[in-house]
PDB file of N, CA and C in Angstrom:
ATOM      1  N   UNK A   1     -55.291 109.588  60.187  1.00  0.00           N
ATOM      2  CA  UNK A   1     -55.405 109.120  58.839  1.00  0.00           C
ATOM      3  C   UNK A   1     -54.142 108.340  58.482  1.00  0.00           C
ATOM      4  N   UNK A   2     -54.288 107.175  57.852  1.00  0.00           N
ATOM      5  CA  UNK A   2     -53.150 106.354  57.474  1.00  0.00           C
ATOM      6  C   UNK A   2     -52.451 106.946  56.258  1.00  0.00           C
ATOM      7  N   UNK A   3     -51.127 106.986  56.329  1.00  0.00           N
ATOM      8  CA  UNK A   3     -50.343 107.490  55.202  1.00  0.00           C
ATOM      9  C   UNK A   3     -49.982 106.333  54.282  1.00  0.00           C
ATOM     10  N   UNK A   4     -49.837 106.626  53.026  1.00  0.00           N
ATOM     11  CA  UNK A   4     -49.435 105.635  52.041  1.00  0.00           C
ATOM     12  C   UNK A   4     -47.923 105.453  52.170  1.00  0.00           C
ATOM     13  N   UNK A   5     -47.486 104.388  52.835  1.00  0.00           N
ATOM     14  CA  UNK A   5     -46.075 104.181  53.126  1.00  0.00           C
ATOM     15  C   UNK A   5     -45.272 104.022  51.838  1.00  0.00           C
ATOM     16  N   UNK A   6     -45.845 103.437  50.818  1.00  0.00           N
ATOM     17  CA  UNK A   6     -45.119 103.235  49.568  1.00  0.00           C
ATOM     18  C   UNK A   6     -44.844 104.546  48.858  1.00  0.00           C
ATOM     19  N   UNK A   7     -45.590 105.579  49.161  1.00  0.00           N
ATOM     20  CA  UNK A   7     -45.372 106.869  48.493  1.00  0.00           C
ATOM     21  C   UNK A   7     -44.570 107.831  49.351  1.00  0.00           C
ATOM     22  N   UNK A   8     -44.131 107.419  50.526  1.00  0.00           N
ATOM     23  CA  UNK A   8     -43.358 108.313  51.385  1.00  0.00           C
ATOM     24  C   UNK A   8     -41.932 108.450  50.877  1.00  0.00           C
ATOM     25  N   UNK A   9     -41.372 109.623  51.084  1.00  0.00           N
ATOM     26  CA  UNK A   9     -39.988 109.903  50.714  1.00  0.00           C
ATOM     27  C   UNK A   9     -39.066 108.991  51.523  1.00  0.00           C
ATOM     28  N   UNK A  10     -38.074 108.400  50.864  1.00  0.00           N
ATOM     29  CA  UNK A  10     -37.162 107.478  51.550  1.00  0.00           C
ATOM     30  C   UNK A  10     -35.955 108.195  52.144  1.00  0.00           C
ATOM     31  N   UNK A  11     -35.838 109.493  51.924  1.00  0.00           N
ATOM     32  CA  UNK A  11     -34.696 110.251  52.431  1.00  0.00           C
ATOM     33  C   UNK A  11     -34.850 110.541  53.924  1.00  0.00           C
ATOM     34  N   UNK A  12     -33.725 110.879  54.546  1.00  0.00           N
ATOM     35  CA  UNK A  12     -33.733 111.280  55.957  1.00  0.00           C
ATOM     36  C   UNK A  12     -33.266 112.726  56.065  1.00  0.00           C
ATOM     37  N   UNK A  13     -33.753 113.387  57.099  1.00  0.00           N
ATOM     38  CA  UNK A  13     -33.382 114.783  57.328  1.00  0.00           C
ATOM     39  C   UNK A  13     -31.992 114.850  57.945  1.00  0.00           C
ATOM     40  N   UNK A  14     -31.463 116.055  58.105  1.00  0.00           N
ATOM     41  CA  UNK A  14     -30.132 116.241  58.690  1.00  0.00           C
ATOM     42  C   UNK A  14     -30.046 115.700  60.115  1.00  0.00           C
ATOM     43  N   UNK A  15     -31.180 115.759  60.840  1.00  0.00           N
ATOM     44  CA  UNK A  15     -31.178 115.271  62.220  1.00  0.00           C
ATOM     45  C   UNK A  15     -31.380 113.756  62.300  1.00  0.00           C
ATOM     46  N   UNK A  16     -31.485 113.083  61.148  1.00  0.00           N
ATOM     47  CA  UNK A  16     -31.586 111.626  61.125  1.00  0.00           C
ATOM     48  C   UNK A  16     -32.998 111.080  61.101  1.00  0.00           C
ATOM     49  N   UNK A  17     -34.000 111.954  61.235  1.00  0.00           N
ATOM     50  CA  UNK A  17     -35.387 111.478  61.198  1.00  0.00           C
ATOM     51  C   UNK A  17     -35.849 111.301  59.755  1.00  0.00           C
ATOM     52  N   UNK A  18     -36.840 110.460  59.573  1.00  0.00           N
ATOM     53  CA  UNK A  18     -37.362 110.172  58.241  1.00  0.00           C
ATOM     54  C   UNK A  18     -38.169 111.365  57.732  1.00  0.00           C
ATOM     55  N   UNK A  19     -38.049 111.631  56.449  1.00  0.00           N
ATOM     56  CA  UNK A  19     -38.821 112.704  55.817  1.00  0.00           C
ATOM     57  C   UNK A  19     -40.281 112.275  55.774  1.00  0.00           C
ATOM     58  N   UNK A  20     -41.202 113.152  56.113  1.00  0.00           N
ATOM     59  CA  UNK A  20     -42.625 112.825  56.164  1.00  0.00           C
ATOM     60  C   UNK A  20     -43.384 113.252  54.914  1.00  0.00           C
ATOM     61  N   UNK A  21     -42.683 113.756  53.917  1.00  0.00           N
ATOM     62  CA  UNK A  21     -43.347 114.193  52.692  1.00  0.00           C
ATOM     63  C   UNK A  21     -43.619 113.004  51.782  1.00  0.00           C
ATOM     64  N   UNK A  22     -44.528 113.222  50.815  1.00  0.00           N
ATOM     65  CA  UNK A  22     -44.801 112.195  49.810  1.00  0.00           C
ATOM     66  C   UNK A  22     -43.748 112.272  48.715  1.00  0.00           C
ATOM     67  N   UNK A  23     -43.348 111.120  48.206  1.00  0.00           N
ATOM     68  CA  UNK A  23     -42.423 111.062  47.082  1.00  0.00           C
ATOM     69  C   UNK A  23     -43.166 111.475  45.811  1.00  0.00           C
ATOM     70  N   UNK A  24     -42.409 111.908  44.810  1.00  0.00           N
ATOM     71  CA  UNK A  24     -43.034 112.242  43.539  1.00  0.00           C
ATOM     72  C   UNK A  24     -43.598 110.962  42.930  1.00  0.00           C
ATOM     73  N   UNK A  25     -44.576 111.107  42.043  1.00  0.00           N
ATOM     74  CA  UNK A  25     -45.173 109.922  41.422  1.00  0.00           C
ATOM     75  C   UNK A  25     -44.122 109.142  40.642  1.00  0.00           C
ATOM     76  N   UNK A  26     -44.026 107.861  40.949  1.00  0.00           N
ATOM     77  CA  UNK A  26     -43.065 107.003  40.272  1.00  0.00           C
ATOM     78  C   UNK A  26     -41.672 107.080  40.857  1.00  0.00           C
ATOM     79  N   UNK A  27     -41.460 107.957  41.826  1.00  0.00           N
ATOM     80  CA  UNK A  27     -40.141 108.142  42.412  1.00  0.00           C
ATOM     81  C   UNK A  27     -40.076 107.669  43.848  1.00  0.00           C
ATOM     82  N   UNK A  28     -38.900 107.832  44.444  1.00  0.00           N
ATOM     83  CA  UNK A  28     -38.681 107.400  45.819  1.00  0.00           C
ATOM     84  C   UNK A  28     -38.470 108.562  46.776  1.00  0.00           C
ATOM     85  N   UNK A  29     -38.265 109.766  46.237  1.00  0.00           N
ATOM     86  CA  UNK A  29     -37.985 110.923  47.084  1.00  0.00           C
ATOM     87  C   UNK A  29     -38.920 112.077  46.753  1.00  0.00           C
ATOM     88  N   UNK A  30     -39.043 112.992  47.706  1.00  0.00           N
ATOM     89  CA  UNK A  30     -39.889 114.177  47.507  1.00  0.00           C
ATOM     90  C   UNK A  30     -39.113 115.227  46.719  1.00  0.00           C
ATOM     91  N   UNK A  31     -39.781 116.315  46.398  1.00  0.00           N
ATOM     92  CA  UNK A  31     -39.146 117.375  45.619  1.00  0.00           C
ATOM     93  C   UNK A  31     -37.966 117.996  46.376  1.00  0.00           C
ATOM     94  N   UNK A  32     -38.061 118.082  47.689  1.00  0.00           N
ATOM     95  CA  UNK A  32     -36.986 118.712  48.463  1.00  0.00           C
ATOM     96  C   UNK A  32     -35.738 117.835  48.542  1.00  0.00           C
ATOM     97  N   UNK A  33     -35.886 116.539  48.374  1.00  0.00           N
ATOM     98  CA  UNK A  33     -34.754 115.620  48.475  1.00  0.00           C
ATOM     99  C   UNK A  33     -34.302 115.105  47.109  1.00  0.00           C
ATOM    100  N   UNK A  34     -34.515 115.886  46.063  1.00  0.00           N
ATOM    101  CA  UNK A  34     -33.999 115.528  44.746  1.00  0.00           C
ATOM    102  C   UNK A  34     -35.062 115.158  43.740  1.00  0.00           C
ATOM    103  N   UNK A  35     -36.324 115.104  44.142  1.00  0.00           N
ATOM    104  CA  UNK A  35     -37.385 114.715  43.227  1.00  0.00           C
ATOM    105  C   UNK A  35     -37.678 115.742  42.155  1.00  0.00           C
ATOM    106  N   UNK A  36     -37.141 116.947  42.284  1.00  0.00           N
ATOM    107  CA  UNK A  36     -37.372 117.991  41.284  1.00  0.00           C
ATOM    108  C   UNK A  36     -36.293 117.983  40.198  1.00  0.00           C
ATOM    109  N   UNK A  37     -35.255 117.170  40.381  1.00  0.00           N
ATOM    110  CA  UNK A  37     -34.176 117.105  39.394  1.00  0.00           C
ATOM    111  C   UNK A  37     -34.696 116.479  38.098  1.00  0.00           C
ATOM    112  N   UNK A  38     -34.313 117.031  36.961  1.00  0.00           N
ATOM    113  CA  UNK A  38     -34.829 116.523  35.681  1.00  0.00           C
ATOM    114  C   UNK A  38     -34.579 115.034  35.470  1.00  0.00           C
ATOM    115  N   UNK A  39     -33.394 114.549  35.853  1.00  0.00           N
ATOM    116  CA  UNK A  39     -33.092 113.133  35.651  1.00  0.00           C
ATOM    117  C   UNK A  39     -33.937 112.248  36.562  1.00  0.00           C
ATOM    118  N   UNK A  40     -34.296 112.726  37.747  1.00  0.00           N
ATOM    119  CA  UNK A  40     -35.140 111.946  38.662  1.00  0.00           C
ATOM    120  C   UNK A  40     -36.567 111.904  38.126  1.00  0.00           C
ATOM    121  N   UNK A  41     -37.042 113.042  37.636  1.00  0.00           N
ATOM    122  CA  UNK A  41     -38.391 113.100  37.052  1.00  0.00           C
ATOM    123  C   UNK A  41     -38.476 112.172  35.842  1.00  0.00           C
ATOM    124  N   UNK A  42     -37.437 112.205  34.979  1.00  0.00           N
ATOM    125  CA  UNK A  42     -37.425 111.353  33.791  1.00  0.00           C
ATOM    126  C   UNK A  42     -37.452 109.871  34.175  1.00  0.00           C
ATOM    127  N   UNK A  43     -36.645 109.484  35.148  1.00  0.00           N
ATOM    128  CA  UNK A  43     -36.619 108.075  35.583  1.00  0.00           C
ATOM    129  C   UNK A  43     -37.954 107.676  36.199  1.00  0.00           C
ATOM    130  N   UNK A  44     -38.572 108.564  36.951  1.00  0.00           N
ATOM    131  CA  UNK A  44     -39.875 108.262  37.555  1.00  0.00           C
ATOM    132  C   UNK A  44     -40.926 108.063  36.476  1.00  0.00           C
ATOM    133  N   UNK A  45     -40.896 108.910  35.449  1.00  0.00           N
ATOM    134  CA  UNK A  45     -41.844 108.763  34.341  1.00  0.00           C
ATOM    135  C   UNK A  45     -41.604 107.457  33.590  1.00  0.00           C
ATOM    136  N   UNK A  46     -40.337 107.098  33.390  1.00  0.00           N
ATOM    137  CA  UNK A  46     -40.012 105.840  32.714  1.00  0.00           C
ATOM    138  C   UNK A  46     -40.470 104.640  33.547  1.00  0.00           C
ATOM    139  N   UNK A  47     -40.302 104.752  34.871  1.00  0.00           N
ATOM    140  CA  UNK A  47     -40.723 103.665  35.772  1.00  0.00           C
ATOM    141  C   UNK A  47     -42.227 103.454  35.680  1.00  0.00           C
ATOM    142  N   UNK A  48     -42.990 104.544  35.663  1.00  0.00           N
ATOM    143  CA  UNK A  48     -44.448 104.427  35.543  1.00  0.00           C
ATOM    144  C   UNK A  48     -44.845 103.917  34.165  1.00  0.00           C
ATOM    145  N   UNK A  49     -44.180 104.401  33.128  1.00  0.00           N
ATOM    146  CA  UNK A  49     -44.508 103.961  31.773  1.00  0.00           C
ATOM    147  C   UNK A  49     -44.224 102.476  31.591  1.00  0.00           C
ATOM    148  N   UNK A  50     -43.204 101.968  32.278  1.00  0.00           N
ATOM    149  CA  UNK A  50     -42.870 100.543  32.174  1.00  0.00           C
ATOM    150  C   UNK A  50     -43.958  99.668  32.790  1.00  0.00           C
ATOM    151  N   UNK A  51     -44.794 100.244  33.635  1.00  0.00           N
ATOM    152  CA  UNK A  51     -45.866  99.475  34.280  1.00  0.00           C
ATOM    153  C   UNK A  51     -47.140  99.432  33.454  1.00  0.00           C
ATOM    154  N   UNK A  52     -47.214 100.200  32.369  1.00  0.00           N
ATOM    155  CA  UNK A  52     -48.440 100.264  31.574  1.00  0.00           C
ATOM    156  C   UNK A  52     -48.748  98.924  30.922  1.00  0.00           C
ATOM    157  N   UNK A  53     -47.767  98.334  30.247  1.00  0.00           N
ATOM    158  CA  UNK A  53     -48.016  97.065  29.561  1.00  0.00           C
ATOM    159  C   UNK A  53     -48.422  95.950  30.528  1.00  0.00           C
ATOM    160  N   UNK A  54     -47.730  95.777  31.673  1.00  0.00           N
ATOM    161  CA  UNK A  54     -48.203  94.762  32.621  1.00  0.00           C
ATOM    162  C   UNK A  54     -49.616  95.059  33.145  1.00  0.00           C
ATOM    163  N   UNK A  55     -49.938  96.338  33.321  1.00  0.00           N
ATOM    164  CA  UNK A  55     -51.275  96.696  33.804  1.00  0.00           C
ATOM    165  C   UNK A  55     -52.325  96.315  32.764  1.00  0.00           C
ATOM    166  N   UNK A  56     -52.013  96.541  31.504  1.00  0.00           N
ATOM    167  CA  UNK A  56     -52.942  96.150  30.442  1.00  0.00           C
ATOM    168  C   UNK A  56     -53.089  94.637  30.417  1.00  0.00           C
ATOM    169  N   UNK A  57     -51.994  93.913  30.672  1.00  0.00           N
ATOM    170  CA  UNK A  57     -52.054  92.454  30.747  1.00  0.00           C
ATOM    171  C   UNK A  57     -52.948  91.976  31.875  1.00  0.00           C
ATOM    172  N   UNK A  58     -52.883  92.646  33.014  1.00  0.00           N
ATOM    173  CA  UNK A  58     -53.745  92.286  34.144  1.00  0.00           C
ATOM    174  C   UNK A  58     -55.209  92.516  33.784  1.00  0.00           C
ATOM    175  N   UNK A  59     -55.478  93.640  33.137  1.00  0.00           N
ATOM    176  CA  UNK A  59     -56.853  93.908  32.713  1.00  0.00           C
ATOM    177  C   UNK A  59     -57.344  92.850  31.731  1.00  0.00           C
ATOM    178  N   UNK A  60     -56.473  92.448  30.813  1.00  0.00           N
ATOM    179  CA  UNK A  60     -56.850  91.441  29.829  1.00  0.00           C
ATOM    180  C   UNK A  60     -57.134  90.107  30.524  1.00  0.00           C
ATOM    181  N   UNK A  61     -56.280  89.720  31.460  1.00  0.00           N
ATOM    182  CA  UNK A  61     -56.487  88.459  32.185  1.00  0.00           C
ATOM    183  C   UNK A  61     -57.755  88.519  33.030  1.00  0.00           C
ATOM    184  N   UNK A  62     -58.019  89.673  33.614  1.00  0.00           N
ATOM    185  CA  UNK A  62     -59.205  89.818  34.459  1.00  0.00           C
ATOM    186  C   UNK A  62     -60.481  89.693  33.632  1.00  0.00           C
ATOM    187  N   UNK A  63     -60.440  90.180  32.411  1.00  0.00           N
ATOM    188  CA  UNK A  63     -61.629  90.079  31.565  1.00  0.00           C
ATOM    189  C   UNK A  63     -61.907  88.635  31.172  1.00  0.00           C
ATOM    190  N   UNK A  64     -60.869  87.827  31.067  1.00  0.00           N
ATOM    191  CA  UNK A  64     -61.038  86.433  30.654  1.00  0.00           C
ATOM    192  C   UNK A  64     -61.392  85.516  31.823  1.00  0.00           C
ATOM    193  N   UNK A  65     -60.951  85.874  33.034  1.00  0.00           N
ATOM    194  CA  UNK A  65     -61.195  85.018  34.198  1.00  0.00           C
ATOM    195  C   UNK A  65     -62.486  85.410  34.883  1.00  0.00           C
ATOM    196  N   UNK A  66     -63.011  84.477  35.655  1.00  0.00           N
ATOM    197  CA  UNK A  66     -64.252  84.740  36.379  1.00  0.00           C
ATOM    198  C   UNK A  66     -64.021  84.839  37.875  1.00  0.00           C
ATOM    199  N   UNK A  67     -62.765  84.904  38.295  1.00  0.00           N
ATOM    200  CA  UNK A  67     -62.429  85.027  39.718  1.00  0.00           C
ATOM    201  C   UNK A  67     -62.569  86.489  40.155  1.00  0.00           C
ATOM    202  N   UNK A  68     -62.496  86.704  41.451  1.00  0.00           N
ATOM    203  CA  UNK A  68     -62.569  88.045  42.013  1.00  0.00           C
ATOM    204  C   UNK A  68     -61.184  88.687  41.948  1.00  0.00           C
ATOM    205  N   UNK A  69     -60.984  89.568  41.022  1.00  0.00           N
ATOM    206  CA  UNK A  69     -59.689  90.224  40.846  1.00  0.00           C
ATOM    207  C   UNK A  69     -59.783  91.723  41.110  1.00  0.00           C
ATOM    208  N   UNK A  70     -60.593  92.093  42.100  1.00  0.00           N
ATOM    209  CA  UNK A  70     -60.790  93.523  42.374  1.00  0.00           C
ATOM    210  C   UNK A  70     -59.496  94.242  42.712  1.00  0.00           C
ATOM    211  N   UNK A  71     -58.634  93.585  43.473  1.00  0.00           N
ATOM    212  CA  UNK A  71     -57.385  94.236  43.870  1.00  0.00           C
ATOM    213  C   UNK A  71     -56.476  94.431  42.664  1.00  0.00           C
ATOM    214  N   UNK A  72     -56.355  93.416  41.828  1.00  0.00           N
ATOM    215  CA  UNK A  72     -55.523  93.526  40.629  1.00  0.00           C
ATOM    216  C   UNK A  72     -56.061  94.581  39.675  1.00  0.00           C
ATOM    217  N   UNK A  73     -57.368  94.597  39.521  1.00  0.00           N
ATOM    218  CA  UNK A  73     -57.973  95.594  38.639  1.00  0.00           C
ATOM    219  C   UNK A  73     -57.763  97.006  39.165  1.00  0.00           C
ATOM    220  N   UNK A  74     -57.872  97.159  40.471  1.00  0.00           N
ATOM    221  CA  UNK A  74     -57.668  98.474  41.065  1.00  0.00           C
ATOM    222  C   UNK A  74     -56.232  98.956  40.845  1.00  0.00           C
ATOM    223  N   UNK A  75     -55.263  98.048  41.016  1.00  0.00           N
ATOM    224  CA  UNK A  75     -53.863  98.412  40.804  1.00  0.00           C
ATOM    225  C   UNK A  75     -53.613  98.746  39.339  1.00  0.00           C
ATOM    226  N   UNK A  76     -54.168  97.953  38.443  1.00  0.00           N
ATOM    227  CA  UNK A  76     -53.985  98.205  37.017  1.00  0.00           C
ATOM    228  C   UNK A  76     -54.603  99.547  36.628  1.00  0.00           C
ATOM    229  N   UNK A  77     -55.792  99.830  37.149  1.00  0.00           N
ATOM    230  CA  UNK A  77     -56.456 101.099  36.844  1.00  0.00           C
ATOM    231  C   UNK A  77     -55.649 102.273  37.373  1.00  0.00           C
ATOM    232  N   UNK A  78     -55.048 102.107  38.543  1.00  0.00           N
ATOM    233  CA  UNK A  78     -54.234 103.163  39.131  1.00  0.00           C
ATOM    234  C   UNK A  78     -53.033 103.478  38.247  1.00  0.00           C
ATOM    235  N   UNK A  79     -52.376 102.442  37.745  1.00  0.00           N
ATOM    236  CA  UNK A  79     -51.222 102.656  36.874  1.00  0.00           C
ATOM    237  C   UNK A  79     -51.640 103.382  35.596  1.00  0.00           C
ATOM    238  N   UNK A  80     -52.747 102.959  35.022  1.00  0.00           N
ATOM    239  CA  UNK A  80     -53.224 103.609  33.798  1.00  0.00           C
ATOM    240  C   UNK A  80     -53.610 105.064  34.054  1.00  0.00           C
ATOM    241  N   UNK A  81     -54.263 105.322  35.190  1.00  0.00           N
ATOM    242  CA  UNK A  81     -54.635 106.694  35.535  1.00  0.00           C
ATOM    243  C   UNK A  81     -53.396 107.568  35.714  1.00  0.00           C
ATOM    244  N   UNK A  82     -52.386 107.023  36.350  1.00  0.00           N
ATOM    245  CA  UNK A  82     -51.166 107.799  36.596  1.00  0.00           C
ATOM    246  C   UNK A  82     -50.432 108.141  35.307  1.00  0.00           C
ATOM    247  N   UNK A  83     -50.671 107.370  34.272  1.00  0.00           N
ATOM    248  CA  UNK A  83     -50.040 107.635  32.984  1.00  0.00           C
ATOM    249  C   UNK A  83     -50.987 108.329  32.025  1.00  0.00           C
ATOM    250  N   UNK A  84     -52.061 108.893  32.562  1.00  0.00           N
ATOM    251  CA  UNK A  84     -53.061 109.614  31.766  1.00  0.00           C
ATOM    252  C   UNK A  84     -53.628 108.765  30.637  1.00  0.00           C
ATOM    253  N   UNK A  85     -53.860 107.500  30.931  1.00  0.00           N
ATOM    254  CA  UNK A  85     -54.417 106.585  29.944  1.00  0.00           C
ATOM    255  C   UNK A  85     -55.807 106.108  30.339  1.00  0.00           C
ATOM    256  N   UNK A  86     -56.485 106.877  31.173  1.00  0.00           N
ATOM    257  CA  UNK A  86     -57.836 106.482  31.568  1.00  0.00           C
ATOM    258  C   UNK A  86     -58.798 106.825  30.438  1.00  0.00           C
ATOM    259  N   UNK A  87     -59.937 106.183  30.449  1.00  0.00           N
ATOM    260  CA  UNK A  87     -60.932 106.412  29.407  1.00  0.00           C
ATOM    261  C   UNK A  87     -61.522 107.809  29.490  1.00  0.00           C
ATOM    262  N   UNK A  88     -62.227 108.182  28.448  1.00  0.00           N
ATOM    263  CA  UNK A  88     -62.862 109.490  28.437  1.00  0.00           C
ATOM    264  C   UNK A  88     -63.947 109.533  29.497  1.00  0.00           C
ATOM    265  N   UNK A  89     -64.068 110.658  30.130  1.00  0.00           N
ATOM    266  CA  UNK A  89     -65.092 110.838  31.141  1.00  0.00           C
ATOM    267  C   UNK A  89     -66.099 111.849  30.622  1.00  0.00           C
ATOM    268  N   UNK A  90     -67.356 111.490  30.724  1.00  0.00           N
ATOM    269  CA  UNK A  90     -68.413 112.367  30.240  1.00  0.00           C
ATOM    270  C   UNK A  90     -69.255 112.795  31.433  1.00  0.00           C
ATOM    271  N   UNK A  91     -69.423 114.081  31.578  1.00  0.00           N
ATOM    272  CA  UNK A  91     -70.220 114.617  32.672  1.00  0.00           C
ATOM    273  C   UNK A  91     -71.401 115.353  32.071  1.00  0.00           C
ATOM    274  N   UNK A  92     -72.584 114.975  32.491  1.00  0.00           N
ATOM    275  CA  UNK A  92     -73.790 115.639  32.024  1.00  0.00           C
ATOM    276  C   UNK A  92     -74.441 116.356  33.194  1.00  0.00           C
ATOM    277  N   UNK A  93     -74.796 117.594  32.954  1.00  0.00           N
ATOM    278  CA  UNK A  93     -75.450 118.393  33.980  1.00  0.00           C
ATOM    279  C   UNK A  93     -76.796 118.817  33.432  1.00  0.00           C
ATOM    280  N   UNK A  94     -77.814 118.584  34.203  1.00  0.00           N
ATOM    281  CA  UNK A  94     -79.141 118.967  33.756  1.00  0.00           C
ATOM    282  C   UNK A  94     -79.916 119.628  34.884  1.00  0.00           C
ATOM    283  N   UNK A  95     -80.865 120.459  34.510  1.00  0.00           N
ATOM    284  CA  UNK A  95     -81.716 121.118  35.487  1.00  0.00           C
ATOM    285  C   UNK A  95     -83.126 120.582  35.281  1.00  0.00           C
ATOM    286  N   UNK A  96     -83.665 119.992  36.315  1.00  0.00           N
ATOM    287  CA  UNK A  96     -85.039 119.514  36.218  1.00  0.00           C
ATOM    288  C   UNK A  96     -85.960 120.610  36.712  1.00  0.00           C
ATOM    289  N   UNK A  97     -87.090 120.746  36.079  1.00  0.00           N
ATOM    290  CA  UNK A  97     -88.053 121.758  36.489  1.00  0.00           C
ATOM    291  C   UNK A  97     -87.648 123.151  36.083  1.00  0.00           C
ATOM    292  N   UNK A  98     -86.901 123.275  34.998  1.00  0.00           N
ATOM    293  CA  UNK A  98     -86.420 124.590  34.584  1.00  0.00           C
ATOM    294  C   UNK A  98     -87.567 125.521  34.194  1.00  0.00           C
ATOM    295  N   UNK A  99     -88.643 124.957  33.673  1.00  0.00           N
ATOM    296  CA  UNK A  99     -89.784 125.787  33.276  1.00  0.00           C
ATOM    297  C   UNK A  99     -90.407 126.461  34.502  1.00  0.00           C
ATOM    298  N   UNK A 100     -90.512 125.708  35.592  1.00  0.00           N
ATOM    299  CA  UNK A 100     -91.075 126.269  36.820  1.00  0.00           C
ATOM    300  C   UNK A 100     -90.182 127.371  37.379  1.00  0.00           C
ATOM    301  N   UNK A 101     -88.881 127.165  37.290  1.00  0.00           N
ATOM    302  CA  UNK A 101     -87.933 128.169  37.778  1.00  0.00           C
ATOM    303  C   UNK A 101     -88.075 129.448  36.967  1.00  0.00           C
ATOM    304  N   UNK A 102     -88.185 129.312  35.648  1.00  0.00           N
ATOM    305  CA  UNK A 102     -88.348 130.499  34.798  1.00  0.00           C
ATOM    306  C   UNK A 102     -89.657 131.227  35.094  1.00  0.00           C
ATOM    307  N   UNK A 103     -90.743 130.459  35.312  1.00  0.00           N
ATOM    308  CA  UNK A 103     -92.029 131.086  35.641  1.00  0.00           C
ATOM    309  C   UNK A 103     -91.929 131.866  36.950  1.00  0.00           C
ATOM    310  N   UNK A 104     -91.266 131.299  37.966  1.00  0.00           N
ATOM    311  CA  UNK A 104     -91.098 131.978  39.255  1.00  0.00           C
ATOM    312  C   UNK A 104     -90.310 133.275  39.077  1.00  0.00           C
ATOM    313  N   UNK A 105     -89.234 133.222  38.321  1.00  0.00           N
ATOM    314  CA  UNK A 105     -88.423 134.423  38.095  1.00  0.00           C
ATOM    315  C   UNK A 105     -89.227 135.488  37.350  1.00  0.00           C
ATOM    316  N   UNK A 106     -90.006 135.038  36.360  1.00  0.00           N
ATOM    317  CA  UNK A 106     -90.822 135.961  35.580  1.00  0.00           C
ATOM    318  C   UNK A 106     -91.879 136.619  36.465  1.00  0.00           C
ATOM    319  N   UNK A 107     -92.505 135.832  37.345  1.00  0.00           N
ATOM    320  CA  UNK A 107     -93.519 136.368  38.253  1.00  0.00           C
ATOM    321  C   UNK A 107     -92.898 137.357  39.231  1.00  0.00           C
ATOM    322  N   UNK A 108     -91.687 137.046  39.710  1.00  0.00           N
ATOM    323  CA  UNK A 108     -91.008 137.946  40.639  1.00  0.00           C
ATOM    324  C   UNK A 108     -90.682 139.274  39.959  1.00  0.00           C
ATOM    325  N   UNK A 109     -90.224 139.212  38.709  1.00  0.00           N
ATOM    326  CA  UNK A 109     -89.914 140.436  37.965  1.00  0.00           C
ATOM    327  C   UNK A 109     -91.180 141.257  37.714  1.00  0.00           C
ATOM    328  N   UNK A 110     -92.266 140.573  37.377  1.00  0.00           N
ATOM    329  CA  UNK A 110     -93.530 141.272  37.123  1.00  0.00           C
ATOM    330  C   UNK A 110     -94.025 141.949  38.397  1.00  0.00           C
ATOM    331  N   UNK A 111     -93.912 141.248  39.528  1.00  0.00           N
ATOM    332  CA  UNK A 111     -94.350 141.822  40.803  1.00  0.00           C
ATOM    333  C   UNK A 111     -93.500 143.038  41.172  1.00  0.00           C
ATOM    334  N   UNK A 112     -92.204 142.943  40.922  1.00  0.00           N
ATOM    335  CA  UNK A 112     -91.297 144.053  41.224  1.00  0.00           C
ATOM    336  C   UNK A 112     -91.611 145.249  40.325  1.00  0.00           C
ATOM    337  N   UNK A 113     -91.880 144.979  39.054  1.00  0.00           N
ATOM    338  CA  UNK A 113     -92.222 146.056  38.122  1.00  0.00           C
ATOM    339  C   UNK A 113     -93.540 146.709  38.501  1.00  0.00           C
ATOM    340  N   UNK A 114     -94.514 145.902  38.918  1.00  0.00           N
ATOM    341  CA  UNK A 114     -95.814 146.441  39.320  1.00  0.00           C
ATOM    342  C   UNK A 114     -95.676 147.276  40.584  1.00  0.00           C
ATOM    343  N   UNK A 115     -94.841 146.841  41.502  1.00  0.00           N
ATOM    344  CA  UNK A 115     -94.640 147.567  42.758  1.00  0.00           C
ATOM    345  C   UNK A 115     -93.950 148.909  42.499  1.00  0.00           C
ATOM    346  N   UNK A 116     -93.056 148.953  41.540  1.00  0.00           N
ATOM    347  CA  UNK A 116     -92.348 150.208  41.267  1.00  0.00           C
ATOM    348  C   UNK A 116     -93.231 151.201  40.510  1.00  0.00           C
ATOM    349  N   UNK A 117     -94.295 150.722  39.845  1.00  0.00           N
ATOM    350  CA  UNK A 117     -95.188 151.605  39.105  1.00  0.00           C
ATOM    351  C   UNK A 117     -96.325 152.146  39.962  1.00  0.00           C
ATOM    352  N   UNK A 118     -96.601 151.519  41.100  1.00  0.00           N
ATOM    353  CA  UNK A 118     -97.688 151.999  41.960  1.00  0.00           C
ATOM    354  C   UNK A 118     -97.282 153.326  42.578  1.00  0.00           C
ATOM    355  N   UNK A 119     -98.232 154.263  42.666  1.00  0.00           N
ATOM    356  CA  UNK A 119     -97.901 155.547  43.295  1.00  0.00           C
ATOM    357  C   UNK A 119     -97.716 155.351  44.824  1.00  0.00           C
ATOM    358  N   UNK A 120     -96.744 156.041  45.341  1.00  0.00           N
ATOM    359  CA  UNK A 120     -96.476 155.939  46.779  1.00  0.00           C
ATOM    360  C   UNK A 120     -97.351 156.910  47.536  1.00  0.00           C
ATOM    361  N   UNK A 121     -97.827 156.463  48.670  1.00  0.00           N
ATOM    362  CA  UNK A 121     -98.645 157.349  49.515  1.00  0.00           C
ATOM    363  C   UNK A 121     -97.776 157.820  50.659  1.00  0.00           C
ATOM    364  N   UNK A 122     -97.768 159.120  50.868  1.00  0.00           N
ATOM    365  CA  UNK A 122     -96.978 159.695  51.952  1.00  0.00           C
ATOM    366  C   UNK A 122     -97.818 160.357  52.976  1.00  0.00           C
TER     367      UNK A 122
END
């Protein structure tokens, strides 16, 4: 599986090899290499927030143009999602044939009740 190179931690381990962990969102390092520090988290959040307005601009330009801007739109949507600015999501769950399911359950209960009332022959 291909790793997202842009999200990889830029720090190196004590033995000189590159860290294989993912960097925190908006940051350059993972939690073990300083990404958990409050000032690093704050800067990462500011870096992502600074991308919101340009992302909105890309969306606005894409709506006005008739060219294929799938890549730009995808990047803009990603920035908005990362800043919890995505639109409301509505999920609807429905059961089709619920009446038939209820009839089957009712018949099963009736059969079980009838079986328990029959006298047993020994």
